[in-house]
Amino acid sequence: MFMSYGDKTSEIVKRRLLDIVIGDIYYGALTPAQALLMLYGLPPTTHKETPTEFKRIFVDKERMIEKKYADFLEEIVIKYFKGYEHGKIKEVSGKEVDKLLKDAEDYMKRLKELREQIEKRASEKTIEQIYKDVSELLENLVGKKSEENTINEFDANFIKTGKFAPQNLRTLKNIFGARKEFKKGKLDSHKVDLARKDAQMLINDLIEYNQRCDLSNKKEK
């Protein structure tokens, strides 16, 4: 019985090497890729869809990552995992595992950078949309003016006259300032999120005021 353990050593080692690839390396490559696709805005992808969608979005469409990383993901999911599922791959060599581990380390390092790229792009879209929405609403009140003149007129004609709360002026200044900071690369995603939350209150107040003005004009007519 004791001798039989020695006979099984090779089989056990081979199985553990295969477990490293189809377990640890597979999920270590697949799950972060799925997460980044969701961060980009896509619904959750299956393991079959992920390599194709990863390449389509980040390599072909956005050109945010090099093709070799999409190739690595495809190799792990299609060649190794699917190969294992269909019984085509029954064992892997230690040399293969060493190479895959090295590639996986490089892959994860690059995916962390890709996450920062996606977050930065999302922040840029957010701050630009906030700026656009607020500017268009204010244009209805004070006309098309520079940021400085918009702030001054909003303060003089709408804050000091009690039509809007002082908090609205602070929010407006913060939005304009946040956009300038972001253009300089100084604004992080946390500050963008705070600007978005504050801006929503200002946008709601501006919409409500414009609606009251429209209703008042219709009654006069």
Protein backbone atom coordinates (compact mmCIF):
# COMPACT_ATOMS: atom_id res chain seq x y z
CA MET A 1 0.00 0.00 0.00
CA PHE A 2 2.82 2.40 0.91
CA MET A 3 4.58 1.54 -2.33
CA SER A 4 1.44 2.42 -4.31
CA TYR A 5 1.69 6.06 -3.14
CA GLY A 6 5.02 6.32 -4.91
CA ASP A 7 3.53 4.90 -8.08
CA LYS A 8 0.83 7.61 -8.04
CA THR A 9 3.23 10.52 -7.56
CA SER A 10 3.60 11.30 -11.24
CA GLU A 11 -0.14 11.16 -11.80
CA ILE A 12 -0.82 13.44 -8.82
CA VAL A 13 1.75 16.02 -9.94
CA LYS A 14 0.36 16.05 -13.49
CA ARG A 15 -3.17 16.54 -12.17
CA ARG A 16 -2.05 19.40 -9.94
CA LEU A 17 -0.25 21.08 -12.84
CA LEU A 18 -3.43 20.82 -14.88
CA ASP A 19 -5.44 22.20 -11.94
CA ILE A 20 -3.16 25.24 -11.86
CA VAL A 21 -3.91 25.99 -15.51
CA ILE A 22 -7.63 25.21 -15.74
CA GLY A 23 -8.34 26.48 -12.25
CA ASP A 24 -6.09 29.21 -10.98
CA ILE A 25 -4.70 30.69 -14.22
CA TYR A 26 -8.01 30.31 -16.06
CA TYR A 27 -10.07 32.20 -13.49
CA GLY A 28 -7.23 34.63 -12.86
CA ALA A 29 -7.36 35.61 -16.54
CA LEU A 30 -11.11 35.34 -17.19
CA THR A 31 -12.65 37.10 -14.17
CA PRO A 32 -10.70 40.40 -14.45
CA ALA A 33 -11.47 40.54 -18.19
CA GLN A 34 -15.19 40.15 -17.44
CA ALA A 35 -14.92 42.85 -14.77
CA LEU A 36 -13.31 45.33 -17.18
CA LEU A 37 -15.96 44.68 -19.83
CA MET A 38 -18.63 45.48 -17.22
CA LEU A 39 -16.69 48.56 -16.13
CA TYR A 40 -16.71 49.63 -19.78
CA GLY A 41 -20.51 49.31 -19.78
CA LEU A 42 -21.27 45.86 -21.18
CA PRO A 43 -23.56 43.34 -19.45
CA PRO A 44 -21.82 40.34 -17.85
CA THR A 45 -20.30 38.04 -20.47
CA THR A 46 -20.07 34.25 -20.36
CA HIS A 47 -16.68 32.55 -20.42
CA LYS A 48 -17.25 31.74 -24.10
CA GLU A 49 -18.09 35.33 -25.03
CA THR A 50 -15.39 37.03 -22.99
CA PRO A 51 -12.31 36.53 -25.24
CA THR A 52 -14.22 37.68 -28.34
CA GLU A 53 -15.77 40.71 -26.61
CA PHE A 54 -12.49 41.63 -24.93
CA LYS A 55 -10.72 41.72 -28.30
CA ARG A 56 -13.62 43.46 -30.07
CA ILE A 57 -13.89 46.27 -27.50
CA PHE A 58 -10.39 46.90 -26.19
CA VAL A 59 -8.25 45.88 -29.17
CA ASP A 60 -10.30 46.50 -32.31
CA LYS A 61 -12.74 49.27 -31.30
CA GLU A 62 -11.02 51.34 -28.63
CA ARG A 63 -7.39 50.32 -29.27
CA MET A 64 -6.71 50.55 -25.56
CA ILE A 65 -4.66 47.36 -25.20
CA GLU A 66 -2.22 45.32 -27.26
CA LYS A 67 -3.47 42.26 -29.16
CA LYS A 68 -1.11 39.87 -27.36
CA TYR A 69 -3.14 40.20 -24.16
CA ALA A 70 -6.35 39.29 -25.95
CA ASP A 71 -4.48 36.37 -27.49
CA PHE A 72 -3.38 35.20 -24.04
CA LEU A 73 -6.96 35.31 -22.76
CA GLU A 74 -8.16 33.36 -25.79
CA GLU A 75 -5.39 30.80 -25.32
CA ILE A 76 -6.36 30.18 -21.70
CA VAL A 77 -10.11 30.03 -22.31
CA ILE A 78 -10.26 28.29 -25.69
CA LYS A 79 -7.13 26.20 -25.95
CA TYR A 80 -6.71 25.09 -22.37
CA PHE A 81 -10.09 25.28 -20.63
CA LYS A 82 -12.25 24.25 -23.58
CA GLY A 83 -9.61 21.72 -24.57
CA TYR A 84 -9.82 20.25 -21.07
CA GLU A 85 -13.64 20.23 -21.18
CA HIS A 86 -13.64 18.33 -24.47
CA GLY A 87 -10.97 15.91 -23.35
CA LYS A 88 -8.34 17.17 -25.78
CA ILE A 89 -5.97 18.36 -23.07
CA LYS A 90 -5.33 15.85 -20.30
CA GLU A 91 -2.03 17.10 -18.98
CA VAL A 92 0.38 20.03 -19.20
CA SER A 93 4.12 20.15 -18.70
CA GLY A 94 5.89 22.10 -16.00
CA LYS A 95 7.48 24.18 -18.74
CA GLU A 96 4.04 25.15 -20.05
CA VAL A 97 2.88 26.14 -16.58
CA ASP A 98 5.98 28.29 -16.03
CA LYS A 99 5.36 30.13 -19.30
CA LEU A 100 1.65 30.60 -18.61
CA LEU A 101 2.35 31.92 -15.11
CA LYS A 102 4.84 34.42 -16.49
CA ASP A 103 2.39 35.51 -19.19
CA ALA A 104 -0.41 35.73 -16.61
CA GLU A 105 1.68 38.04 -14.43
CA ASP A 106 2.34 40.35 -17.38
CA TYR A 107 -1.34 40.14 -18.38
CA MET A 108 -2.57 41.16 -14.93
CA LYS A 109 -0.13 44.05 -14.73
CA ARG A 110 -1.43 45.34 -18.08
CA LEU A 111 -5.08 44.86 -17.07
CA LYS A 112 -4.54 47.08 -14.02
CA GLU A 113 -3.34 49.79 -16.40
CA LEU A 114 -6.34 49.15 -18.65
CA ARG A 115 -8.65 49.64 -15.67
CA GLU A 116 -7.12 53.07 -15.06
CA GLN A 117 -7.59 53.92 -18.74
CA ILE A 118 -11.26 52.91 -18.64
CA GLU A 119 -11.92 54.83 -15.42
CA LYS A 120 -10.21 57.92 -16.78
CA ARG A 121 -12.27 57.80 -19.97
CA ALA A 122 -15.47 57.28 -17.98
CA SER A 123 -14.58 60.21 -15.73
CA GLU A 124 -13.92 62.39 -18.76
CA LYS A 125 -17.31 61.54 -20.27
CA THR A 126 -19.00 62.20 -16.93
CA ILE A 127 -17.43 65.58 -16.28
CA GLU A 128 -17.95 66.71 -19.88
CA GLN A 129 -21.63 65.68 -19.78
CA ILE A 130 -22.14 67.50 -16.48
CA TYR A 131 -20.46 70.61 -17.86
CA LYS A 132 -22.55 70.47 -21.05
CA ASP A 133 -25.87 69.98 -19.21
CA VAL A 134 -25.25 72.79 -16.72
CA SER A 135 -23.92 75.18 -19.38
CA GLU A 136 -26.94 74.65 -21.63
CA LEU A 137 -29.38 75.24 -18.79
CA LEU A 138 -27.55 78.37 -17.65
CA GLU A 139 -27.44 79.65 -21.22
CA ASN A 140 -31.23 79.84 -21.10
CA LEU A 141 -30.94 82.14 -18.10
CA VAL A 142 -27.92 84.36 -18.73
CA GLY A 143 -27.17 83.83 -22.42
CA LYS A 144 -24.00 82.43 -23.94
CA LYS A 145 -21.09 83.86 -21.99
CA SER A 146 -17.65 82.96 -20.71
CA GLU A 147 -17.42 80.87 -17.53
CA GLU A 148 -16.38 83.90 -15.48
CA ASN A 149 -19.21 86.08 -16.78
CA THR A 150 -21.71 83.24 -16.36
CA ILE A 151 -20.74 82.87 -12.70
CA ASN A 152 -20.87 86.62 -12.08
CA GLU A 153 -24.27 87.06 -13.71
CA PHE A 154 -25.72 83.99 -12.04
CA ASP A 155 -24.51 85.36 -8.71
CA ALA A 156 -25.82 88.89 -9.28
CA ASN A 157 -29.20 88.08 -10.84
CA PHE A 158 -30.15 84.74 -9.33
CA ILE A 159 -28.24 84.12 -6.08
CA LYS A 160 -28.30 87.57 -4.51
CA THR A 161 -31.93 88.04 -5.53
CA GLY A 162 -32.88 84.83 -3.70
CA LYS A 163 -33.99 82.88 -6.77
CA PHE A 164 -31.36 80.21 -6.10
CA ALA A 165 -29.60 79.11 -2.92
CA PRO A 166 -25.93 80.04 -2.29
CA GLN A 167 -25.08 76.33 -2.50
CA ASN A 168 -25.97 76.45 -6.21
CA LEU A 169 -23.27 79.03 -6.84
CA ARG A 170 -20.67 76.96 -4.99
CA THR A 171 -21.69 73.91 -7.01
CA LEU A 172 -21.41 75.84 -10.26
CA LYS A 173 -17.91 77.02 -9.38
CA ASN A 174 -16.95 73.47 -8.40
CA ILE A 175 -18.16 72.07 -11.73
CA PHE A 176 -16.23 74.61 -13.75
CA GLY A 177 -13.19 74.07 -11.55
CA ALA A 178 -13.46 70.27 -11.75
CA ARG A 179 -13.48 70.38 -15.53
CA LYS A 180 -10.35 72.52 -15.56
CA GLU A 181 -8.62 70.18 -13.11
CA PHE A 182 -9.56 67.15 -15.18
CA LYS A 183 -8.18 68.75 -18.33
CA LYS A 184 -4.89 69.13 -16.48
CA GLY A 185 -5.02 65.49 -15.34
CA LYS A 186 -5.40 66.46 -11.67
CA LEU A 187 -8.93 65.23 -10.98
CA ASP A 188 -9.47 61.67 -9.74
CA SER A 189 -12.58 59.51 -10.18
CA HIS A 190 -13.67 60.10 -6.56
CA LYS A 191 -13.82 63.86 -7.08
CA VAL A 192 -15.65 63.35 -10.36
CA ASP A 193 -18.28 61.30 -8.53
CA LEU A 194 -18.70 64.05 -5.94
CA ALA A 195 -19.04 66.65 -8.70
CA ARG A 196 -21.68 64.48 -10.36
CA LYS A 197 -23.75 64.22 -7.17
CA ASP A 198 -23.57 67.96 -6.47
CA ALA A 199 -24.30 68.80 -10.10
CA GLN A 200 -27.50 66.76 -10.09
CA MET A 201 -28.98 69.04 -7.43
CA LEU A 202 -28.05 72.15 -9.42
CA ILE A 203 -29.39 70.65 -12.65
CA ASN A 204 -32.70 69.79 -10.95
CA ASP A 205 -33.01 73.32 -9.58
CA LEU A 206 -32.21 74.86 -12.97
CA ILE A 207 -34.73 72.64 -14.76
CA GLU A 208 -37.41 73.44 -12.19
CA TYR A 209 -36.75 77.17 -12.50
CA ASN A 210 -36.86 77.06 -16.30
CA GLN A 211 -40.12 75.12 -16.17
CA ARG A 212 -41.65 77.73 -13.83
CA CYS A 213 -40.56 80.50 -16.19
CA ASP A 214 -42.06 78.68 -19.18
CA LEU A 215 -45.32 78.15 -17.30
CA SER A 216 -45.42 81.79 -16.25
CA ASN A 217 -44.85 82.96 -19.85
CA LYS A 218 -47.67 80.73 -21.10
CA LYS A 219 -50.09 82.16 -18.55
CA GLU A 220 -49.20 85.70 -19.56
CA LYS A 221 -49.93 84.84 -23.19
